[in-house]
Protein backbone atom coordinates (compact mmCIF):
# COMPACT_ATOMS: atom_id res chain seq x y z
CA UNK A 1 5.55 19.12 32.01
CA UNK A 2 5.79 21.08 29.02
CA UNK A 3 4.91 18.20 27.16
CA UNK A 4 1.37 18.00 28.85
CA UNK A 5 0.82 21.57 28.35
CA UNK A 6 1.11 22.46 32.21
CA UNK A 7 4.83 24.26 32.73
CA UNK A 8 4.46 28.18 32.89
CA UNK A 9 6.22 30.08 29.82
CA UNK A 10 7.34 33.59 30.50
CA UNK A 11 6.28 36.43 28.28
CA UNK A 12 9.39 38.36 28.70
CA UNK A 13 10.92 40.63 26.33
CA UNK A 14 14.11 42.81 27.09
CA UNK A 15 13.43 44.55 30.00
CA UNK A 16 9.71 44.33 30.11
CA UNK A 17 8.62 41.16 32.13
CA UNK A 18 5.15 39.54 31.23
CA UNK A 19 3.27 36.73 32.97
CA UNK A 20 3.73 33.57 32.77
CA UNK A 21 1.03 31.33 30.79
CA UNK A 22 0.68 27.90 29.86
CA UNK A 23 0.46 26.60 26.23
CA UNK A 24 0.32 23.73 23.70
CA UNK A 25 0.27 19.89 24.85
CA UNK A 26 -2.16 16.96 24.19
CA UNK A 27 -5.61 18.26 24.97
CA UNK A 28 -6.49 14.96 26.02
CA UNK A 29 -3.65 14.55 28.16
CA UNK A 30 -4.42 17.88 29.97
CA UNK A 31 -8.27 17.19 30.34
CA UNK A 32 -7.02 14.30 32.14
CA UNK A 33 -4.80 15.98 34.37
CA UNK A 34 -7.14 18.60 34.99
CA UNK A 35 -10.05 15.90 36.10
CA UNK A 36 -7.45 13.92 37.96
CA UNK A 37 -6.39 16.86 39.90
CA UNK A 38 -9.60 18.04 40.89
CA UNK A 39 -9.85 14.31 42.66
CA UNK A 40 -6.23 15.08 43.86
CA UNK A 41 -7.63 18.04 45.70
CA UNK A 42 -10.45 16.54 47.41
CA UNK A 43 -8.94 12.85 48.47
CA UNK A 44 -5.29 13.52 48.54
CA UNK A 45 -3.74 15.22 51.72
CA UNK A 46 -0.65 16.35 50.06
CA UNK A 47 -2.04 17.76 47.13
CA UNK A 48 -5.09 19.17 48.83
CA UNK A 49 -2.27 21.30 51.40
CA UNK A 50 -0.54 22.42 48.29
CA UNK A 51 -3.53 23.62 47.09
CA UNK A 52 -5.14 25.57 50.19
CA UNK A 53 -1.30 27.02 50.30
CA UNK A 54 -1.36 28.42 47.19
CA UNK A 55 -4.90 29.71 47.72
CA UNK A 56 -3.98 31.18 51.21
CA UNK A 57 -1.33 32.87 49.31
CA UNK A 58 -4.09 34.90 47.33
CA UNK A 59 -3.21 32.76 44.11
CA UNK A 60 -6.47 32.19 41.81
CA UNK A 61 -8.40 29.03 41.80
CA UNK A 62 -7.22 27.85 38.10
CA UNK A 63 -3.59 28.64 38.70
CA UNK A 64 -3.86 26.57 41.86
CA UNK A 65 -5.19 23.96 40.05
CA UNK A 66 -2.94 24.12 37.14
CA UNK A 67 -0.15 24.22 39.88
CA UNK A 68 -1.67 20.60 41.12
CA UNK A 69 -1.89 19.40 37.60
CA UNK A 70 2.04 20.31 37.29
CA UNK A 71 2.50 18.48 40.44
CA UNK A 72 0.77 15.31 39.64
CA UNK A 73 2.50 15.08 36.32
CA UNK A 74 6.04 15.55 37.63
CA UNK A 75 5.15 13.17 40.60
CA UNK A 76 4.12 10.62 37.76
CA UNK A 77 7.09 11.16 36.16
CA UNK A 78 9.42 10.93 38.78
CA UNK A 79 7.80 7.13 39.71
CA UNK A 80 7.96 5.73 36.80
CA UNK A 81 11.74 7.06 36.09
CA UNK A 82 12.56 5.88 39.41
CA UNK A 83 10.69 2.50 38.77
CA UNK A 84 9.28 2.05 42.30
CA UNK A 85 5.68 2.77 43.86
CA UNK A 86 4.78 5.87 45.13
CA UNK A 87 5.29 6.20 48.62
CA UNK A 88 3.92 9.87 50.39
CA UNK A 89 5.61 11.26 53.38
CA UNK A 90 5.78 9.14 56.29
CA UNK A 91 4.86 10.33 59.93
């Protein structure tokens, strides 16, 4: 997620706590993940539920979208690492 630029990094110094920000990563990967996450929020029930849960907690929309981006990239990484097709939750 850090290589794609969607992993949050804290801006802390000593006793001061800052906010977490995302930075870096390849622009083309971030743009593709952004569009994929918008599509997944509309069409993928697990991602939609995750996004809605964050919004219900009062998180800003952009933060929830970036969290969905991170979830997509970590899911894709797990699928590739396990060399197995993705399986959603079974009822």
